[in-house]
Amino acid sequence: MKKLNTIMNTIMGAFVGIFIGHGFYVIWNFKTHPELYAMQSAPWYTSILVYGVFTFAVLMICIIIKLIIRYKSPK
């Protein structure tokens, strides 16, 4: 069970790191090339929101799996 817990923690950390890195990259890219984002019909931060929703979903799934494991494992 400890190995599965470590895997869940790694997955959660990786997705949060990817979300933060992507957010910084999009903000930096928007600051350096705002004319590229002016041509789009969607706001410049749309991809950050999509990554945020996906990251939130993955985190919730991992937390639910961890809670199930915690309650099902023998004390």
PDB file of N, CA and C in Angstrom:
ATOM      1  N   MET A   1       0.814  -1.190   0.000  1.00  0.00           N
ATOM      2  CA  MET A   1       0.000   0.000   0.000  1.00  0.00           C
ATOM      3  C   MET A   1       0.864   1.263   0.000  1.00  0.00           C
ATOM      4  N   LYS A   2       2.039   1.141   0.619  1.00  0.00           N
ATOM      5  CA  LYS A   2       2.918   2.302   0.658  1.00  0.00           C
ATOM      6  C   LYS A   2       3.416   2.660  -0.738  1.00  0.00           C
ATOM      7  N   LYS A   3       3.644   1.637  -1.561  1.00  0.00           N
ATOM      8  CA  LYS A   3       4.109   1.872  -2.930  1.00  0.00           C
ATOM      9  C   LYS A   3       3.027   2.574  -3.747  1.00  0.00           C
ATOM     10  N   LEU A   4       1.769   2.153  -3.594  1.00  0.00           N
ATOM     11  CA  LEU A   4       0.661   2.788  -4.301  1.00  0.00           C
ATOM     12  C   LEU A   4       0.476   4.235  -3.837  1.00  0.00           C
ATOM     13  N   ASN A   5       0.649   4.472  -2.542  1.00  0.00           N
ATOM     14  CA  ASN A   5       0.552   5.826  -2.019  1.00  0.00           C
ATOM     15  C   ASN A   5       1.649   6.719  -2.609  1.00  0.00           C
ATOM     16  N   THR A   6       2.847   6.176  -2.741  1.00  0.00           N
ATOM     17  CA  THR A   6       3.947   6.932  -3.338  1.00  0.00           C
ATOM     18  C   THR A   6       3.672   7.249  -4.803  1.00  0.00           C
ATOM     19  N   ILE A   7       3.098   6.288  -5.515  1.00  0.00           N
ATOM     20  CA  ILE A   7       2.755   6.511  -6.919  1.00  0.00           C
ATOM     21  C   ILE A   7       1.687   7.600  -7.042  1.00  0.00           C
ATOM     22  N   MET A   8       0.679   7.561  -6.177  1.00  0.00           N
ATOM     23  CA  MET A   8      -0.371   8.593  -6.206  1.00  0.00           C
ATOM     24  C   MET A   8       0.204   9.974  -5.894  1.00  0.00           C
ATOM     25  N   ASN A   9       1.091  10.041  -4.909  1.00  0.00           N
ATOM     26  CA  ASN A   9       1.717  11.324  -4.581  1.00  0.00           C
ATOM     27  C   ASN A   9       2.558  11.847  -5.737  1.00  0.00           C
ATOM     28  N   THR A  10       3.240  10.953  -6.434  1.00  0.00           N
ATOM     29  CA  THR A  10       4.051  11.351  -7.583  1.00  0.00           C
ATOM     30  C   THR A  10       3.176  11.860  -8.719  1.00  0.00           C
ATOM     31  N   ILE A  11       2.083  11.176  -8.987  1.00  0.00           N
ATOM     32  CA  ILE A  11       1.162  11.608 -10.040  1.00  0.00           C
ATOM     33  C   ILE A  11       0.586  12.978  -9.700  1.00  0.00           C
ATOM     34  N   MET A  12       0.164  13.156  -8.461  1.00  0.00           N
ATOM     35  CA  MET A  12      -0.411  14.433  -8.057  1.00  0.00           C
ATOM     36  C   MET A  12       0.617  15.558  -8.169  1.00  0.00           C
ATOM     37  N   GLY A  13       1.822  15.315  -7.719  1.00  0.00           N
ATOM     38  CA  GLY A  13       2.871  16.326  -7.806  1.00  0.00           C
ATOM     39  C   GLY A  13       3.234  16.663  -9.235  1.00  0.00           C
ATOM     40  N   ALA A  14       3.262  15.650 -10.091  1.00  0.00           N
ATOM     41  CA  ALA A  14       3.598  15.876 -11.497  1.00  0.00           C
ATOM     42  C   ALA A  14       2.540  16.735 -12.188  1.00  0.00           C
ATOM     43  N   PHE A  15       1.279  16.437 -11.940  1.00  0.00           N
ATOM     44  CA  PHE A  15       0.224  17.217 -12.586  1.00  0.00           C
ATOM     45  C   PHE A  15       0.188  18.653 -12.081  1.00  0.00           C
ATOM     46  N   VAL A  16       0.426  18.860 -10.804  1.00  0.00           N
ATOM     47  CA  VAL A  16       0.489  20.233 -10.281  1.00  0.00           C
ATOM     48  C   VAL A  16       1.686  20.965 -10.882  1.00  0.00           C
ATOM     49  N   GLY A  17       2.813  20.297 -10.993  1.00  0.00           N
ATOM     50  CA  GLY A  17       3.995  20.914 -11.591  1.00  0.00           C
ATOM     51  C   GLY A  17       3.792  21.265 -13.054  1.00  0.00           C
ATOM     52  N   ILE A  18       3.151  20.374 -13.794  1.00  0.00           N
ATOM     53  CA  ILE A  18       2.857  20.642 -15.199  1.00  0.00           C
ATOM     54  C   ILE A  18       1.917  21.834 -15.319  1.00  0.00           C
ATOM     55  N   PHE A  19       0.913  21.902 -14.459  1.00  0.00           N
ATOM     56  CA  PHE A  19      -0.023  23.021 -14.488  1.00  0.00           C
ATOM     57  C   PHE A  19       0.685  24.346 -14.197  1.00  0.00           C
ATOM     58  N   ILE A  20       1.529  24.373 -13.193  1.00  0.00           N
ATOM     59  CA  ILE A  20       2.255  25.607 -12.854  1.00  0.00           C
ATOM     60  C   ILE A  20       3.207  25.994 -13.980  1.00  0.00           C
ATOM     61  N   GLY A  21       3.937  25.029 -14.505  1.00  0.00           N
ATOM     62  CA  GLY A  21       4.861  25.316 -15.601  1.00  0.00           C
ATOM     63  C   GLY A  21       4.157  25.826 -16.845  1.00  0.00           C
ATOM     64  N   HIS A  22       3.048  25.196 -17.188  1.00  0.00           N
ATOM     65  CA  HIS A  22       2.283  25.640 -18.353  1.00  0.00           C
ATOM     66  C   HIS A  22       1.731  27.045 -18.134  1.00  0.00           C
ATOM     67  N   GLY A  23       1.259  27.308 -16.929  1.00  0.00           N
ATOM     68  CA  GLY A  23       0.739  28.646 -16.625  1.00  0.00           C
ATOM     69  C   GLY A  23       1.806  29.719 -16.773  1.00  0.00           C
ATOM     70  N   PHE A  24       2.988  29.468 -16.224  1.00  0.00           N
ATOM     71  CA  PHE A  24       4.082  30.432 -16.362  1.00  0.00           C
ATOM     72  C   PHE A  24       4.462  30.632 -17.828  1.00  0.00           C
ATOM     73  N   TYR A  25       4.494  29.532 -18.594  1.00  0.00           N
ATOM     74  CA  TYR A  25       4.865  29.644 -19.999  1.00  0.00           C
ATOM     75  C   TYR A  25       3.845  30.472 -20.776  1.00  0.00           C
ATOM     76  N   VAL A  26       2.557  30.236 -20.553  1.00  0.00           N
ATOM     77  CA  VAL A  26       1.528  30.978 -21.287  1.00  0.00           C
ATOM     78  C   VAL A  26       1.574  32.458 -20.911  1.00  0.00           C
ATOM     79  N   ILE A  27       1.760  32.752 -19.636  1.00  0.00           N
ATOM     80  CA  ILE A  27       1.851  34.151 -19.215  1.00  0.00           C
ATOM     81  C   ILE A  27       3.069  34.817 -19.852  1.00  0.00           C
ATOM     82  N   TRP A  28       4.215  34.140 -19.830  1.00  0.00           N
ATOM     83  CA  TRP A  28       5.421  34.696 -20.444  1.00  0.00           C
ATOM     84  C   TRP A  28       5.230  34.894 -21.948  1.00  0.00           C
ATOM     85  N   ASN A  29       4.638  33.907 -22.613  1.00  0.00           N
ATOM     86  CA  ASN A  29       4.416  33.990 -24.049  1.00  0.00           C
ATOM     87  C   ASN A  29       3.446  35.118 -24.383  1.00  0.00           C
ATOM     88  N   PHE A  30       2.432  35.329 -23.561  1.00  0.00           N
ATOM     89  CA  PHE A  30       1.488  36.412 -23.790  1.00  0.00           C
ATOM     90  C   PHE A  30       2.157  37.770 -23.616  1.00  0.00           C
ATOM     91  N   LYS A  31       3.039  37.869 -22.634  1.00  0.00           N
ATOM     92  CA  LYS A  31       3.735  39.142 -22.409  1.00  0.00           C
ATOM     93  C   LYS A  31       4.715  39.461 -23.538  1.00  0.00           C
ATOM     94  N   THR A  32       5.347  38.437 -24.122  1.00  0.00           N
ATOM     95  CA  THR A  32       6.337  38.681 -25.167  1.00  0.00           C
ATOM     96  C   THR A  32       5.728  38.753 -26.567  1.00  0.00           C
ATOM     97  N   HIS A  33       4.610  38.057 -26.807  1.00  0.00           N
ATOM     98  CA  HIS A  33       3.984  38.040 -28.128  1.00  0.00           C
ATOM     99  C   HIS A  33       2.477  38.289 -28.025  1.00  0.00           C
ATOM    100  N   PRO A  34       2.042  39.452 -27.580  1.00  0.00           N
ATOM    101  CA  PRO A  34       0.597  39.676 -27.431  1.00  0.00           C
ATOM    102  C   PRO A  34      -0.147  39.721 -28.762  1.00  0.00           C
ATOM    103  N   GLU A  35       0.555  40.021 -29.853  1.00  0.00           N
ATOM    104  CA  GLU A  35      -0.118  40.088 -31.154  1.00  0.00           C
ATOM    105  C   GLU A  35      -0.596  38.711 -31.624  1.00  0.00           C
ATOM    106  N   LEU A  36       0.074  37.649 -31.206  1.00  0.00           N
ATOM    107  CA  LEU A  36      -0.378  36.306 -31.572  1.00  0.00           C
ATOM    108  C   LEU A  36      -1.713  35.969 -30.910  1.00  0.00           C
ATOM    109  N   TYR A  37      -1.890  36.448 -29.697  1.00  0.00           N
ATOM    110  CA  TYR A  37      -3.123  36.154 -28.968  1.00  0.00           C
ATOM    111  C   TYR A  37      -4.255  37.088 -29.367  1.00  0.00           C
ATOM    112  N   ALA A  38      -3.931  38.226 -29.987  1.00  0.00           N
ATOM    113  CA  ALA A  38      -4.971  39.150 -30.436  1.00  0.00           C
ATOM    114  C   ALA A  38      -5.763  38.572 -31.602  1.00  0.00           C
ATOM    115  N   MET A  39      -5.158  37.664 -32.363  1.00  0.00           N
ATOM    116  CA  MET A  39      -5.830  37.057 -33.514  1.00  0.00           C
ATOM    117  C   MET A  39      -6.828  35.978 -33.098  1.00  0.00           C
ATOM    118  N   GLN A  40      -6.706  35.446 -31.898  1.00  0.00           N
ATOM    119  CA  GLN A  40      -7.571  34.354 -31.461  1.00  0.00           C
ATOM    120  C   GLN A  40      -8.912  34.885 -30.987  1.00  0.00           C
ATOM    121  N   SER A  41      -9.932  34.072 -31.143  1.00  0.00           N
ATOM    122  CA  SER A  41     -11.251  34.479 -30.666  1.00  0.00           C
ATOM    123  C   SER A  41     -11.402  34.214 -29.168  1.00  0.00           C
ATOM    124  N   ALA A  42     -10.642  33.247 -28.633  1.00  0.00           N
ATOM    125  CA  ALA A  42     -10.704  32.923 -27.210  1.00  0.00           C
ATOM    126  C   ALA A  42      -9.703  33.797 -26.450  1.00  0.00           C
ATOM    127  N   PRO A  43      -9.965  34.051 -25.165  1.00  0.00           N
ATOM    128  CA  PRO A  43      -8.997  34.811 -24.366  1.00  0.00           C
ATOM    129  C   PRO A  43      -7.667  34.059 -24.257  1.00  0.00           C
ATOM    130  N   TRP A  44      -6.622  34.800 -23.952  1.00  0.00           N
ATOM    131  CA  TRP A  44      -5.279  34.214 -23.910  1.00  0.00           C
ATOM    132  C   TRP A  44      -5.129  33.191 -22.802  1.00  0.00           C
ATOM    133  N   TYR A  45      -5.913  33.266 -21.776  1.00  0.00           N
ATOM    134  CA  TYR A  45      -5.764  32.381 -20.620  1.00  0.00           C
ATOM    135  C   TYR A  45      -6.639  31.127 -20.710  1.00  0.00           C
ATOM    136  N   THR A  46      -7.247  30.870 -21.839  1.00  0.00           N
ATOM    137  CA  THR A  46      -8.137  29.718 -21.981  1.00  0.00           C
ATOM    138  C   THR A  46      -7.405  28.404 -21.759  1.00  0.00           C
ATOM    139  N   SER A  47      -6.190  28.281 -22.279  1.00  0.00           N
ATOM    140  CA  SER A  47      -5.468  27.017 -22.097  1.00  0.00           C
ATOM    141  C   SER A  47      -5.095  26.800 -20.635  1.00  0.00           C
ATOM    142  N   ILE A  48      -4.863  27.880 -19.895  1.00  0.00           N
ATOM    143  CA  ILE A  48      -4.584  27.737 -18.462  1.00  0.00           C
ATOM    144  C   ILE A  48      -5.821  27.194 -17.744  1.00  0.00           C
ATOM    145  N   LEU A  49      -6.989  27.695 -18.128  1.00  0.00           N
ATOM    146  CA  LEU A  49      -8.226  27.208 -17.505  1.00  0.00           C
ATOM    147  C   LEU A  49      -8.468  25.732 -17.829  1.00  0.00           C
ATOM    148  N   VAL A  50      -8.215  25.344 -19.063  1.00  0.00           N
ATOM    149  CA  VAL A  50      -8.410  23.941 -19.455  1.00  0.00           C
ATOM    150  C   VAL A  50      -7.454  23.041 -18.672  1.00  0.00           C
ATOM    151  N   TYR A  51      -6.177  23.436 -18.587  1.00  0.00           N
ATOM    152  CA  TYR A  51      -5.215  22.669 -17.809  1.00  0.00           C
ATOM    153  C   TYR A  51      -5.629  22.625 -16.335  1.00  0.00           C
ATOM    154  N   GLY A  52      -6.175  23.712 -15.826  1.00  0.00           N
ATOM    155  CA  GLY A  52      -6.613  23.759 -14.430  1.00  0.00           C
ATOM    156  C   GLY A  52      -7.746  22.789 -14.152  1.00  0.00           C
ATOM    157  N   VAL A  53      -8.711  22.740 -15.041  1.00  0.00           N
ATOM    158  CA  VAL A  53      -9.838  21.815 -14.860  1.00  0.00           C
ATOM    159  C   VAL A  53      -9.356  20.366 -14.933  1.00  0.00           C
ATOM    160  N   PHE A  54      -8.495  20.076 -15.892  1.00  0.00           N
ATOM    161  CA  PHE A  54      -7.973  18.717 -16.028  1.00  0.00           C
ATOM    162  C   PHE A  54      -7.134  18.329 -14.811  1.00  0.00           C
ATOM    163  N   THR A  55      -6.299  19.249 -14.331  1.00  0.00           N
ATOM    164  CA  THR A  55      -5.479  18.978 -13.149  1.00  0.00           C
ATOM    165  C   THR A  55      -6.358  18.752 -11.924  1.00  0.00           C
ATOM    166  N   PHE A  56      -7.389  19.560 -11.781  1.00  0.00           N
ATOM    167  CA  PHE A  56      -8.313  19.400 -10.662  1.00  0.00           C
ATOM    168  C   PHE A  56      -8.993  18.032 -10.710  1.00  0.00           C
ATOM    169  N   ALA A  57      -9.390  17.602 -11.896  1.00  0.00           N
ATOM    170  CA  ALA A  57     -10.047  16.296 -12.029  1.00  0.00           C
ATOM    171  C   ALA A  57      -9.091  15.163 -11.650  1.00  0.00           C
ATOM    172  N   VAL A  58      -7.853  15.238 -12.116  1.00  0.00           N
ATOM    173  CA  VAL A  58      -6.878  14.201 -11.786  1.00  0.00           C
ATOM    174  C   VAL A  58      -6.600  14.192 -10.289  1.00  0.00           C
ATOM    175  N   LEU A  59      -6.470  15.368  -9.684  1.00  0.00           N
ATOM    176  CA  LEU A  59      -6.224  15.439  -8.238  1.00  0.00           C
ATOM    177  C   LEU A  59      -7.390  14.843  -7.446  1.00  0.00           C
ATOM    178  N   MET A  60      -8.609  15.135  -7.862  1.00  0.00           N
ATOM    179  CA  MET A  60      -9.761  14.591  -7.149  1.00  0.00           C
ATOM    180  C   MET A  60      -9.814  13.068  -7.273  1.00  0.00           C
ATOM    181  N   ILE A  61      -9.507  12.540  -8.439  1.00  0.00           N
ATOM    182  CA  ILE A  61      -9.489  11.086  -8.626  1.00  0.00           C
ATOM    183  C   ILE A  61      -8.420  10.455  -7.732  1.00  0.00           C
ATOM    184  N   CYS A  62      -7.236  11.043  -7.699  1.00  0.00           N
ATOM    185  CA  CYS A  62      -6.155  10.501  -6.866  1.00  0.00           C
ATOM    186  C   CYS A  62      -6.502  10.581  -5.380  1.00  0.00           C
ATOM    187  N   ILE A  63      -7.100  11.680  -4.954  1.00  0.00           N
ATOM    188  CA  ILE A  63      -7.480  11.824  -3.543  1.00  0.00           C
ATOM    189  C   ILE A  63      -8.541  10.802  -3.170  1.00  0.00           C
ATOM    190  N   ILE A  64      -9.509  10.567  -4.044  1.00  0.00           N
ATOM    191  CA  ILE A  64     -10.547   9.569  -3.771  1.00  0.00           C
ATOM    192  C   ILE A  64      -9.934   8.173  -3.683  1.00  0.00           C
ATOM    193  N   ILE A  65      -9.013   7.855  -4.584  1.00  0.00           N
ATOM    194  CA  ILE A  65      -8.348   6.552  -4.531  1.00  0.00           C
ATOM    195  C   ILE A  65      -7.561   6.411  -3.227  1.00  0.00           C
ATOM    196  N   LYS A  66      -6.854   7.479  -2.819  1.00  0.00           N
ATOM    197  CA  LYS A  66      -6.095   7.426  -1.572  1.00  0.00           C
ATOM    198  C   LYS A  66      -7.009   7.248  -0.363  1.00  0.00           C
ATOM    199  N   LEU A  67      -8.160   7.916  -0.360  1.00  0.00           N
ATOM    200  CA  LEU A  67      -9.099   7.759   0.755  1.00  0.00           C
ATOM    201  C   LEU A  67      -9.679   6.346   0.806  1.00  0.00           C
ATOM    202  N   ILE A  68     -10.003   5.787  -0.347  1.00  0.00           N
ATOM    203  CA  ILE A  68     -10.514   4.417  -0.393  1.00  0.00           C
ATOM    204  C   ILE A  68      -9.465   3.441   0.140  1.00  0.00           C
ATOM    205  N   ILE A  69      -8.233   3.619  -0.272  1.00  0.00           N
ATOM    206  CA  ILE A  69      -7.163   2.756   0.197  1.00  0.00           C
ATOM    207  C   ILE A  69      -6.976   2.896   1.703  1.00  0.00           C
ATOM    208  N   ARG A  70      -7.043   4.118   2.200  1.00  0.00           N
ATOM    209  CA  ARG A  70      -6.854   4.352   3.639  1.00  0.00           C
ATOM    210  C   ARG A  70      -7.937   3.655   4.460  1.00  0.00           C
ATOM    211  N   TYR A  71      -9.195   3.714   3.993  1.00  0.00           N
ATOM    212  CA  TYR A  71     -10.283   3.112   4.754  1.00  0.00           C
ATOM    213  C   TYR A  71     -10.382   1.605   4.571  1.00  0.00           C
ATOM    214  N   LYS A  72      -9.920   1.083   3.446  1.00  0.00           N
ATOM    215  CA  LYS A  72      -9.986  -0.340   3.200  1.00  0.00           C
ATOM    216  C   LYS A  72      -8.788  -1.114   3.766  1.00  0.00           C
ATOM    217  N   SER A  73      -7.693  -0.420   3.992  1.00  0.00           N
ATOM    218  CA  SER A  73      -6.493  -1.118   4.485  1.00  0.00           C
ATOM    219  C   SER A  73      -6.659  -1.480   5.955  1.00  0.00           C
ATOM    220  N   PRO A  74      -6.096  -2.605   6.345  1.00  0.00           N
ATOM    221  CA  PRO A  74      -6.183  -3.000   7.758  1.00  0.00           C
ATOM    222  C   PRO A  74      -5.361  -2.056   8.638  1.00  0.00           C
ATOM    223  N   LYS A  75      -5.848  -1.836   9.808  1.00  0.00           N
ATOM    224  CA  LYS A  75      -5.185  -0.902  10.744  1.00  0.00           C
ATOM    225  C   LYS A  75      -3.974  -1.505  11.375  1.00  0.00           C
TER     226      LYS A  75
END
